[in-house]
Amino acid sequence: MKQVPIGVSARHIHLSVEHIEQLFGTGYELNVMKDLSQPGQYAAVETVAVIGPKGKFDKVRILGPVRGKTQLEVSRSDAFVLGMNPPVRESGNIAGTPGITIVGPAGQIDIAEGVIVAGRHIHFHTDDASRWGIVDKQLLTVRVEGERSLIFERVLARVSDQYALDMHIDTDEANASGVKTGDMATILS
């Protein structure tokens, strides 16, 4: 049986160096609050506010380390609150996505693009992928068990020797299936 731990991903933002400095001050560096499931990734102590056409969220957690481009990841429910309709995309694929206003303690910026609903995916270390015959960008079918068990289709496999085995779904998907971080999923195909 191909079992994978689940990580539920709440709304969060990845910031570029330029945007960190505009929001927090020149030379500012993020502070680690806690490490995440993927090696080298962390939740920062710092948060920002994000303002959409119809609503806003205060205290959106920044995830580090810094990225080449700023990207806000929200659930579909979050998008409704903000008054937006961002596409479901793989992390990093932000071309043609909506922008948003971001507010930090030292400033405010408007990004022209960068808001996505992150597509469900599984991070595979190359060893795990090889053992199970899974290749990068493969679309998988995954079952979660429980009172509200369901099958997720079109789960993107992301394979790298820099990854640790973990399935990422957003809060809407977790709520619909009744799962929480640490629960297990089974890859069907």
N, C-alpha and C. Protein backbone atom coordinates (compact mmCIF):
# COMPACT_ATOMS: atom_id res chain seq x y z
N MET A 1 0.85 -1.18 0.00
CA MET A 1 0.00 0.00 0.00
C MET A 1 0.89 1.24 0.00
N LYS A 2 0.54 2.19 -0.86
CA LYS A 2 1.32 3.43 -0.97
C LYS A 2 0.67 4.50 -0.11
N GLN A 3 1.15 4.64 1.13
CA GLN A 3 0.57 5.60 2.06
C GLN A 3 1.45 6.84 2.20
N VAL A 4 0.77 7.98 2.28
CA VAL A 4 1.44 9.27 2.31
C VAL A 4 0.84 10.11 3.44
N PRO A 5 1.68 10.78 4.25
CA PRO A 5 1.13 11.69 5.25
C PRO A 5 0.53 12.93 4.60
N ILE A 6 -0.50 13.46 5.23
CA ILE A 6 -1.19 14.65 4.72
C ILE A 6 -0.76 15.88 5.50
N GLY A 7 -0.53 16.96 4.77
CA GLY A 7 -0.28 18.27 5.37
C GLY A 7 -1.34 19.24 4.88
N VAL A 8 -2.09 19.81 5.80
CA VAL A 8 -3.13 20.78 5.43
C VAL A 8 -2.50 22.17 5.39
N SER A 9 -2.65 22.81 4.26
CA SER A 9 -2.00 24.10 4.02
C SER A 9 -3.03 25.23 4.11
N ALA A 10 -2.92 26.05 5.16
CA ALA A 10 -3.78 27.23 5.30
C ALA A 10 -3.24 28.34 4.41
N ARG A 11 -4.02 29.41 4.28
CA ARG A 11 -3.57 30.54 3.45
C ARG A 11 -2.20 30.99 3.93
N HIS A 12 -1.34 31.35 2.97
CA HIS A 12 0.00 31.81 3.31
C HIS A 12 0.57 32.57 2.12
N ILE A 13 1.72 33.20 2.37
CA ILE A 13 2.34 34.00 1.32
C ILE A 13 3.84 33.72 1.29
N HIS A 14 4.38 33.70 0.07
CA HIS A 14 5.83 33.62 -0.16
C HIS A 14 6.24 34.99 -0.70
N LEU A 15 7.32 35.55 -0.17
CA LEU A 15 7.73 36.90 -0.58
C LEU A 15 9.11 36.90 -1.20
N SER A 16 9.30 37.80 -2.17
CA SER A 16 10.62 38.04 -2.75
C SER A 16 11.42 38.91 -1.79
N VAL A 17 12.74 38.94 -1.96
CA VAL A 17 13.60 39.80 -1.14
C VAL A 17 13.16 41.25 -1.27
N GLU A 18 12.91 41.69 -2.49
CA GLU A 18 12.51 43.08 -2.74
C GLU A 18 11.25 43.42 -1.95
N HIS A 19 10.27 42.53 -1.96
CA HIS A 19 9.01 42.80 -1.27
C HIS A 19 9.15 42.72 0.25
N ILE A 20 10.01 41.83 0.74
CA ILE A 20 10.28 41.80 2.19
C ILE A 20 10.84 43.14 2.64
N GLU A 21 11.77 43.68 1.87
CA GLU A 21 12.36 44.97 2.23
C GLU A 21 11.35 46.11 2.15
N GLN A 22 10.46 46.07 1.16
CA GLN A 22 9.44 47.12 1.05
C GLN A 22 8.42 47.02 2.19
N LEU A 23 8.14 45.81 2.63
CA LEU A 23 7.13 45.60 3.67
C LEU A 23 7.68 45.71 5.09
N PHE A 24 8.98 45.35 5.27
CA PHE A 24 9.56 45.28 6.62
C PHE A 24 10.76 46.19 6.84
N GLY A 25 11.36 46.69 5.76
CA GLY A 25 12.52 47.57 5.89
C GLY A 25 13.75 47.01 5.21
N THR A 26 14.63 47.89 4.79
CA THR A 26 15.85 47.51 4.09
C THR A 26 16.69 46.54 4.91
N GLY A 27 17.11 45.45 4.28
CA GLY A 27 17.98 44.48 4.93
C GLY A 27 17.26 43.52 5.88
N TYR A 28 15.94 43.63 5.96
CA TYR A 28 15.19 42.80 6.90
C TYR A 28 15.30 41.32 6.53
N GLU A 29 15.44 40.47 7.53
CA GLU A 29 15.46 39.02 7.32
C GLU A 29 14.37 38.39 8.17
N LEU A 30 13.67 37.40 7.59
CA LEU A 30 12.59 36.71 8.28
C LEU A 30 13.13 35.89 9.45
N ASN A 31 12.31 35.73 10.47
CA ASN A 31 12.65 34.93 11.64
C ASN A 31 11.85 33.63 11.62
N VAL A 32 12.52 32.53 11.91
CA VAL A 32 11.88 31.22 11.86
C VAL A 32 11.01 31.02 13.10
N MET A 33 9.73 30.70 12.86
CA MET A 33 8.82 30.33 13.94
C MET A 33 8.84 28.82 14.13
N LYS A 34 8.70 28.07 12.99
CA LYS A 34 8.78 26.61 13.05
C LYS A 34 9.12 26.06 11.68
N ASP A 35 9.81 24.94 11.68
CA ASP A 35 10.14 24.26 10.44
C ASP A 35 8.89 23.57 9.89
N LEU A 36 8.82 23.45 8.56
CA LEU A 36 7.72 22.76 7.90
C LEU A 36 8.16 21.38 7.44
N SER A 37 7.25 20.64 6.83
CA SER A 37 7.54 19.25 6.44
C SER A 37 8.62 19.15 5.37
N GLN A 38 8.73 20.18 4.52
CA GLN A 38 9.73 20.12 3.46
C GLN A 38 11.06 20.69 3.96
N PRO A 39 12.16 19.97 3.71
CA PRO A 39 13.46 20.41 4.21
C PRO A 39 13.78 21.85 3.79
N GLY A 40 14.21 22.66 4.76
CA GLY A 40 14.60 24.04 4.50
C GLY A 40 13.45 25.03 4.47
N GLN A 41 12.22 24.55 4.51
CA GLN A 41 11.05 25.42 4.48
C GLN A 41 10.60 25.71 5.91
N TYR A 42 10.08 26.91 6.14
CA TYR A 42 9.65 27.26 7.49
C TYR A 42 8.52 28.28 7.48
N ALA A 43 7.77 28.29 8.57
CA ALA A 43 6.80 29.35 8.82
C ALA A 43 7.55 30.45 9.57
N ALA A 44 7.44 31.67 9.07
CA ALA A 44 8.12 32.81 9.70
C ALA A 44 7.27 33.35 10.85
N VAL A 45 7.93 34.03 11.74
CA VAL A 45 7.23 34.74 12.82
C VAL A 45 6.36 35.84 12.21
N GLU A 46 6.86 36.46 11.16
CA GLU A 46 6.22 37.63 10.57
C GLU A 46 4.95 37.27 9.78
N THR A 47 4.02 38.21 9.79
CA THR A 47 2.80 38.11 9.00
C THR A 47 2.57 39.43 8.27
N VAL A 48 1.68 39.39 7.28
CA VAL A 48 1.27 40.60 6.56
C VAL A 48 -0.25 40.59 6.44
N ALA A 49 -0.82 41.72 6.07
CA ALA A 49 -2.23 41.79 5.72
C ALA A 49 -2.33 41.76 4.20
N VAL A 50 -3.40 41.14 3.69
CA VAL A 50 -3.65 41.15 2.25
C VAL A 50 -5.05 41.72 2.03
N ILE A 51 -5.16 42.59 1.03
CA ILE A 51 -6.42 43.28 0.77
C ILE A 51 -6.84 43.02 -0.67
N GLY A 52 -8.02 42.42 -0.81
CA GLY A 52 -8.60 42.16 -2.13
C GLY A 52 -9.67 43.18 -2.45
N PRO A 53 -10.36 43.00 -3.58
CA PRO A 53 -11.40 43.94 -3.99
C PRO A 53 -12.56 44.06 -3.00
N LYS A 54 -12.88 42.98 -2.27
CA LYS A 54 -14.05 43.01 -1.38
C LYS A 54 -13.74 42.70 0.08
N GLY A 55 -12.56 42.20 0.36
CA GLY A 55 -12.27 41.82 1.74
C GLY A 55 -10.79 41.74 1.99
N LYS A 56 -10.42 41.42 3.24
CA LYS A 56 -9.01 41.35 3.58
C LYS A 56 -8.78 40.31 4.66
N PHE A 57 -7.54 39.89 4.77
CA PHE A 57 -7.09 39.03 5.86
C PHE A 57 -5.91 39.70 6.53
N ASP A 58 -5.97 39.80 7.85
CA ASP A 58 -4.83 40.25 8.63
C ASP A 58 -4.03 39.02 9.01
N LYS A 59 -2.78 39.21 9.33
CA LYS A 59 -1.93 38.14 9.87
C LYS A 59 -1.85 36.90 8.97
N VAL A 60 -1.55 37.12 7.69
CA VAL A 60 -1.29 36.02 6.78
C VAL A 60 0.17 35.60 6.99
N ARG A 61 0.38 34.34 7.31
CA ARG A 61 1.71 33.83 7.64
C ARG A 61 2.61 33.85 6.41
N ILE A 62 3.84 34.31 6.61
CA ILE A 62 4.86 34.26 5.56
C ILE A 62 5.60 32.94 5.69
N LEU A 63 5.79 32.25 4.56
CA LEU A 63 6.59 31.04 4.56
C LEU A 63 7.93 31.34 3.90
N GLY A 64 8.99 30.84 4.50
CA GLY A 64 10.33 31.06 3.99
C GLY A 64 10.92 29.76 3.52
N PRO A 65 12.06 29.84 2.86
CA PRO A 65 12.87 31.04 2.65
C PRO A 65 12.29 31.94 1.56
N VAL A 66 12.97 33.05 1.29
CA VAL A 66 12.49 33.99 0.28
C VAL A 66 12.38 33.29 -1.07
N ARG A 67 11.51 33.81 -1.90
CA ARG A 67 11.27 33.28 -3.24
C ARG A 67 11.69 34.29 -4.28
N GLY A 68 11.82 33.83 -5.50
CA GLY A 68 12.12 34.72 -6.61
C GLY A 68 10.97 35.67 -6.90
N LYS A 69 9.72 35.17 -6.71
CA LYS A 69 8.53 35.98 -6.95
C LYS A 69 7.57 35.82 -5.78
N THR A 70 6.86 36.89 -5.49
CA THR A 70 5.86 36.87 -4.43
C THR A 70 4.63 36.12 -4.90
N GLN A 71 4.08 35.30 -4.00
CA GLN A 71 2.92 34.47 -4.33
C GLN A 71 2.05 34.29 -3.10
N LEU A 72 0.75 34.57 -3.23
CA LEU A 72 -0.22 34.33 -2.17
C LEU A 72 -1.03 33.10 -2.52
N GLU A 73 -1.07 32.13 -1.59
CA GLU A 73 -1.85 30.91 -1.80
C GLU A 73 -3.04 30.93 -0.86
N VAL A 74 -4.24 30.81 -1.45
CA VAL A 74 -5.48 30.85 -0.69
C VAL A 74 -6.36 29.66 -1.07
N SER A 75 -7.35 29.38 -0.23
CA SER A 75 -8.36 28.39 -0.58
C SER A 75 -9.44 29.09 -1.41
N ARG A 76 -10.32 28.32 -2.00
CA ARG A 76 -11.43 28.92 -2.76
C ARG A 76 -12.30 29.77 -1.82
N SER A 77 -12.54 29.29 -0.59
CA SER A 77 -13.33 30.07 0.37
C SER A 77 -12.66 31.40 0.70
N ASP A 78 -11.32 31.37 0.88
CA ASP A 78 -10.58 32.61 1.11
C ASP A 78 -10.76 33.57 -0.06
N ALA A 79 -10.70 33.03 -1.27
CA ALA A 79 -10.83 33.86 -2.48
C ALA A 79 -12.19 34.57 -2.50
N PHE A 80 -13.26 33.87 -2.08
CA PHE A 80 -14.58 34.51 -2.03
C PHE A 80 -14.57 35.70 -1.08
N VAL A 81 -13.95 35.52 0.09
CA VAL A 81 -13.86 36.61 1.07
C VAL A 81 -13.13 37.81 0.47
N LEU A 82 -12.05 37.54 -0.25
CA LEU A 82 -11.25 38.62 -0.86
C LEU A 82 -11.95 39.25 -2.06
N GLY A 83 -12.93 38.54 -2.65
CA GLY A 83 -13.61 39.04 -3.84
C GLY A 83 -12.83 38.76 -5.11
N MET A 84 -12.19 37.59 -5.13
CA MET A 84 -11.33 37.24 -6.26
C MET A 84 -11.69 35.86 -6.80
N ASN A 85 -11.19 35.57 -8.00
CA ASN A 85 -11.37 34.25 -8.60
C ASN A 85 -10.04 33.76 -9.17
N PRO A 86 -9.06 33.48 -8.30
CA PRO A 86 -7.77 33.03 -8.80
C PRO A 86 -7.84 31.61 -9.36
N PRO A 87 -6.98 31.27 -10.29
CA PRO A 87 -6.97 29.93 -10.85
C PRO A 87 -6.29 28.93 -9.91
N VAL A 88 -6.62 27.65 -10.11
CA VAL A 88 -5.90 26.58 -9.43
C VAL A 88 -4.62 26.37 -10.22
N ARG A 89 -3.48 26.48 -9.54
CA ARG A 89 -2.18 26.39 -10.21
C ARG A 89 -1.18 25.66 -9.34
N GLU A 90 -0.16 25.15 -10.00
CA GLU A 90 1.01 24.62 -9.30
C GLU A 90 1.77 25.81 -8.72
N SER A 91 2.30 25.65 -7.54
CA SER A 91 3.08 26.70 -6.90
C SER A 91 4.17 27.19 -7.85
N GLY A 92 4.31 28.50 -7.93
CA GLY A 92 5.32 29.10 -8.80
C GLY A 92 4.78 29.50 -10.17
N ASN A 93 3.64 28.93 -10.58
CA ASN A 93 3.06 29.24 -11.88
C ASN A 93 2.04 30.36 -11.69
N ILE A 94 2.52 31.60 -11.69
CA ILE A 94 1.66 32.74 -11.38
C ILE A 94 1.35 33.64 -12.58
N ALA A 95 1.86 33.32 -13.76
CA ALA A 95 1.63 34.16 -14.93
C ALA A 95 0.13 34.29 -15.20
N GLY A 96 -0.33 35.53 -15.35
CA GLY A 96 -1.73 35.78 -15.67
C GLY A 96 -2.70 35.63 -14.51
N THR A 97 -2.19 35.53 -13.29
CA THR A 97 -3.06 35.40 -12.12
C THR A 97 -3.40 36.80 -11.58
N PRO A 98 -4.43 36.91 -10.74
CA PRO A 98 -4.76 38.22 -10.18
C PRO A 98 -3.69 38.73 -9.22
N GLY A 99 -3.68 40.03 -9.02
CA GLY A 99 -2.80 40.66 -8.05
C GLY A 99 -3.55 40.99 -6.78
N ILE A 100 -2.85 41.58 -5.83
CA ILE A 100 -3.44 41.91 -4.53
C ILE A 100 -2.59 42.98 -3.85
N THR A 101 -3.15 43.64 -2.85
CA THR A 101 -2.41 44.59 -2.04
C THR A 101 -1.90 43.88 -0.79
N ILE A 102 -0.63 44.11 -0.47
CA ILE A 102 0.00 43.48 0.70
C ILE A 102 0.49 44.60 1.61
N VAL A 103 0.18 44.50 2.92
CA VAL A 103 0.54 45.53 3.87
C VAL A 103 1.42 44.94 4.96
N GLY A 104 2.59 45.58 5.17
CA GLY A 104 3.50 45.19 6.23
C GLY A 104 3.73 46.37 7.16
N PRO A 105 4.55 46.18 8.20
CA PRO A 105 4.77 47.26 9.16
C PRO A 105 5.53 48.46 8.59
N ALA A 106 6.27 48.28 7.49
CA ALA A 106 7.06 49.38 6.93
C ALA A 106 6.55 49.89 5.60
N GLY A 107 5.46 49.29 5.09
CA GLY A 107 4.97 49.75 3.80
C GLY A 107 3.88 48.88 3.23
N GLN A 108 3.42 49.29 2.06
CA GLN A 108 2.34 48.60 1.36
C GLN A 108 2.76 48.46 -0.10
N ILE A 109 2.43 47.32 -0.71
CA ILE A 109 2.72 47.11 -2.13
C ILE A 109 1.50 46.54 -2.83
N ASP A 110 1.43 46.79 -4.11
CA ASP A 110 0.41 46.17 -4.96
C ASP A 110 1.15 45.29 -5.95
N ILE A 111 0.85 44.00 -5.92
CA ILE A 111 1.45 43.11 -6.91
C ILE A 111 0.45 42.90 -8.05
N ALA A 112 0.94 42.88 -9.27
CA ALA A 112 0.08 42.78 -10.45
C ALA A 112 -0.43 41.36 -10.66
N GLU A 113 0.32 40.38 -10.18
CA GLU A 113 -0.09 38.98 -10.29
C GLU A 113 0.53 38.20 -9.13
N GLY A 114 -0.01 37.01 -8.87
CA GLY A 114 0.59 36.19 -7.82
C GLY A 114 -0.38 35.50 -6.89
N VAL A 115 -1.70 35.66 -7.09
CA VAL A 115 -2.67 34.99 -6.21
C VAL A 115 -3.15 33.71 -6.89
N ILE A 116 -2.99 32.58 -6.18
CA ILE A 116 -3.43 31.29 -6.70
C ILE A 116 -4.16 30.48 -5.63
N VAL A 117 -4.97 29.54 -6.10
CA VAL A 117 -5.44 28.45 -5.27
C VAL A 117 -4.47 27.32 -5.63
N ALA A 118 -3.66 26.89 -4.67
CA ALA A 118 -2.64 25.89 -4.98
C ALA A 118 -3.29 24.54 -5.30
N GLY A 119 -2.87 23.96 -6.40
CA GLY A 119 -3.35 22.64 -6.77
C GLY A 119 -2.87 21.61 -5.76
N ARG A 120 -3.72 20.62 -5.47
CA ARG A 120 -3.30 19.55 -4.56
C ARG A 120 -2.13 18.80 -5.17
N HIS A 121 -1.19 18.42 -4.30
CA HIS A 121 0.01 17.78 -4.81
C HIS A 121 0.66 16.92 -3.73
N ILE A 122 1.55 16.06 -4.17
CA ILE A 122 2.34 15.25 -3.24
C ILE A 122 3.81 15.49 -3.55
N HIS A 123 4.56 15.86 -2.51
CA HIS A 123 6.01 15.95 -2.62
C HIS A 123 6.57 14.54 -2.43
N PHE A 124 7.38 14.09 -3.37
CA PHE A 124 8.05 12.79 -3.27
C PHE A 124 9.55 13.00 -3.27
N HIS A 125 10.25 12.40 -2.33
CA HIS A 125 11.69 12.30 -2.47
C HIS A 125 11.92 11.34 -3.63
N THR A 126 12.98 11.52 -4.37
CA THR A 126 13.25 10.67 -5.54
C THR A 126 13.26 9.18 -5.17
N ASP A 127 13.72 8.84 -3.97
CA ASP A 127 13.73 7.42 -3.54
C ASP A 127 12.32 6.86 -3.43
N ASP A 128 11.41 7.63 -2.82
CA ASP A 128 10.01 7.18 -2.69
C ASP A 128 9.36 7.05 -4.06
N ALA A 129 9.55 8.03 -4.92
CA ALA A 129 8.96 8.00 -6.26
C ALA A 129 9.47 6.81 -7.05
N SER A 130 10.76 6.57 -6.98
CA SER A 130 11.35 5.44 -7.70
C SER A 130 10.80 4.11 -7.20
N ARG A 131 10.70 3.98 -5.88
CA ARG A 131 10.19 2.73 -5.28
C ARG A 131 8.76 2.44 -5.73
N TRP A 132 7.96 3.49 -5.92
CA TRP A 132 6.56 3.32 -6.28
C TRP A 132 6.28 3.52 -7.77
N GLY A 133 7.32 3.78 -8.57
CA GLY A 133 7.15 3.95 -10.01
C GLY A 133 6.41 5.24 -10.38
N ILE A 134 6.64 6.28 -9.63
CA ILE A 134 5.98 7.57 -9.87
C ILE A 134 6.99 8.54 -10.45
N VAL A 135 6.55 9.31 -11.45
CA VAL A 135 7.43 10.28 -12.09
C VAL A 135 6.92 11.70 -11.85
N ASP A 136 7.84 12.66 -11.93
CA ASP A 136 7.51 14.07 -11.73
C ASP A 136 6.42 14.51 -12.70
N LYS A 137 5.45 15.26 -12.20
CA LYS A 137 4.31 15.83 -12.95
C LYS A 137 3.22 14.80 -13.26
N GLN A 138 3.38 13.56 -12.81
CA GLN A 138 2.34 12.56 -12.99
C GLN A 138 1.11 12.96 -12.19
N LEU A 139 -0.08 12.71 -12.74
CA LEU A 139 -1.32 12.98 -12.02
C LEU A 139 -1.80 11.69 -11.37
N LEU A 140 -2.07 11.76 -10.07
CA LEU A 140 -2.41 10.59 -9.27
C LEU A 140 -3.83 10.66 -8.74
N THR A 141 -4.34 9.51 -8.35
CA THR A 141 -5.63 9.39 -7.66
C THR A 141 -5.33 8.92 -6.25
N VAL A 142 -5.89 9.63 -5.27
CA VAL A 142 -5.54 9.39 -3.87
C VAL A 142 -6.82 9.31 -3.03
N ARG A 143 -6.89 8.32 -2.14
CA ARG A 143 -8.04 8.15 -1.26
C ARG A 143 -7.69 8.52 0.18
N VAL A 144 -8.62 9.25 0.82
CA VAL A 144 -8.50 9.52 2.25
C VAL A 144 -9.65 8.81 2.94
N GLU A 145 -9.36 8.19 4.09
CA GLU A 145 -10.35 7.41 4.84
C GLU A 145 -10.94 8.25 5.96
N GLY A 146 -12.04 7.75 6.51
CA GLY A 146 -12.66 8.41 7.66
C GLY A 146 -14.14 8.59 7.46
N GLU A 147 -14.73 9.34 8.36
CA GLU A 147 -16.17 9.56 8.34
C GLU A 147 -16.64 10.22 7.04
N ARG A 148 -15.77 11.03 6.46
CA ARG A 148 -16.10 11.72 5.20
C ARG A 148 -15.11 11.32 4.10
N SER A 149 -14.77 10.05 4.04
CA SER A 149 -13.76 9.58 3.09
C SER A 149 -14.12 10.01 1.67
N LEU A 150 -13.09 10.28 0.91
CA LEU A 150 -13.30 10.64 -0.49
C LEU A 150 -12.04 10.36 -1.29
N ILE A 151 -12.19 10.49 -2.59
CA ILE A 151 -11.08 10.26 -3.51
C ILE A 151 -10.72 11.60 -4.18
N PHE A 152 -9.43 11.96 -4.06
CA PHE A 152 -8.92 13.15 -4.75
C PHE A 152 -8.33 12.68 -6.08
N GLU A 153 -8.75 13.31 -7.16
CA GLU A 153 -8.18 13.02 -8.47
C GLU A 153 -7.28 14.18 -8.88
N ARG A 154 -6.46 13.93 -9.89
CA ARG A 154 -5.57 14.96 -10.43
C ARG A 154 -4.65 15.55 -9.36
N VAL A 155 -4.06 14.67 -8.55
CA VAL A 155 -3.10 15.07 -7.54
C VAL A 155 -1.72 15.06 -8.21
N LEU A 156 -1.08 16.20 -8.27
CA LEU A 156 0.19 16.34 -8.98
C LEU A 156 1.34 15.76 -8.18
N ALA A 157 2.13 14.92 -8.81
CA ALA A 157 3.36 14.39 -8.19
C ALA A 157 4.49 15.39 -8.46
N ARG A 158 5.16 15.79 -7.38
CA ARG A 158 6.31 16.68 -7.49
C ARG A 158 7.49 15.92 -6.90
N VAL A 159 8.45 15.58 -7.75
CA VAL A 159 9.55 14.70 -7.36
C VAL A 159 10.87 15.46 -7.35
N SER A 160 11.61 15.34 -6.23
CA SER A 160 12.92 15.97 -6.11
C SER A 160 13.70 15.31 -4.98
N ASP A 161 15.02 15.32 -5.11
CA ASP A 161 15.83 14.80 -4.00
C ASP A 161 15.87 15.79 -2.84
N GLN A 162 15.22 16.96 -3.02
CA GLN A 162 15.13 17.96 -1.97
C GLN A 162 13.81 17.88 -1.20
N TYR A 163 12.92 16.98 -1.58
CA TYR A 163 11.60 16.88 -0.96
C TYR A 163 11.53 15.75 0.06
N ALA A 164 10.56 15.87 0.96
CA ALA A 164 10.18 14.80 1.89
C ALA A 164 8.74 14.41 1.55
N LEU A 165 8.41 13.15 1.69
CA LEU A 165 7.10 12.63 1.33
C LEU A 165 6.00 13.33 2.12
N ASP A 166 5.08 14.00 1.42
CA ASP A 166 3.99 14.72 2.07
C ASP A 166 2.98 15.15 1.02
N MET A 167 1.68 14.93 1.30
CA MET A 167 0.60 15.38 0.42
C MET A 167 0.08 16.71 0.95
N HIS A 168 -0.03 17.70 0.08
CA HIS A 168 -0.53 19.01 0.49
C HIS A 168 -1.90 19.28 -0.12
N ILE A 169 -2.86 19.55 0.77
CA ILE A 169 -4.20 19.97 0.36
C ILE A 169 -4.52 21.25 1.13
N ASP A 170 -5.49 22.02 0.63
CA ASP A 170 -5.84 23.26 1.33
C ASP A 170 -6.94 23.01 2.36
N THR A 171 -7.29 24.04 3.09
CA THR A 171 -8.26 23.90 4.19
C THR A 171 -9.64 23.50 3.69
N ASP A 172 -10.05 23.97 2.52
CA ASP A 172 -11.36 23.56 1.98
C ASP A 172 -11.37 22.06 1.72
N GLU A 173 -10.31 21.55 1.12
CA GLU A 173 -10.23 20.11 0.82
C GLU A 173 -10.18 19.29 2.10
N ALA A 174 -9.43 19.79 3.09
CA ALA A 174 -9.34 19.08 4.37
C ALA A 174 -10.70 19.05 5.07
N ASN A 175 -11.40 20.18 5.06
CA ASN A 175 -12.71 20.23 5.69
C ASN A 175 -13.71 19.32 4.99
N ALA A 176 -13.67 19.29 3.66
CA ALA A 176 -14.59 18.44 2.90
C ALA A 176 -14.37 16.95 3.19
N SER A 177 -13.13 16.58 3.45
CA SER A 177 -12.80 15.16 3.66
C SER A 177 -12.64 14.81 5.13
N GLY A 178 -12.71 15.80 6.02
CA GLY A 178 -12.59 15.54 7.44
C GLY A 178 -11.22 15.08 7.88
N VAL A 179 -10.15 15.50 7.16
CA VAL A 179 -8.80 15.10 7.53
C VAL A 179 -8.04 16.26 8.14
N LYS A 180 -6.96 15.93 8.82
CA LYS A 180 -6.10 16.94 9.43
C LYS A 180 -4.65 16.58 9.16
N THR A 181 -3.77 17.53 9.39
CA THR A 181 -2.34 17.29 9.22
C THR A 181 -1.93 16.07 10.05
N GLY A 182 -1.18 15.19 9.41
CA GLY A 182 -0.73 13.98 10.08
C GLY A 182 -1.54 12.75 9.73
N ASP A 183 -2.78 12.92 9.22
CA ASP A 183 -3.55 11.78 8.75
C ASP A 183 -2.86 11.20 7.52
N MET A 184 -3.28 10.00 7.12
CA MET A 184 -2.64 9.33 5.99
C MET A 184 -3.60 9.23 4.80
N ALA A 185 -3.02 9.27 3.61
CA ALA A 185 -3.76 9.07 2.36
C ALA A 185 -3.13 7.87 1.65
N THR A 186 -3.92 7.24 0.78
CA THR A 186 -3.44 6.08 0.02
C THR A 186 -3.49 6.40 -1.47
N ILE A 187 -2.35 6.23 -2.13
CA ILE A 187 -2.29 6.44 -3.57
C ILE A 187 -2.91 5.23 -4.26
N LEU A 188 -3.94 5.47 -5.09
CA LEU A 188 -4.64 4.39 -5.79
C LEU A 188 -4.04 4.14 -7.15
N SER A 189 -3.65 5.20 -7.85
CA SER A 189 -3.09 5.04 -9.20
C SER A 189 -2.19 6.23 -9.51
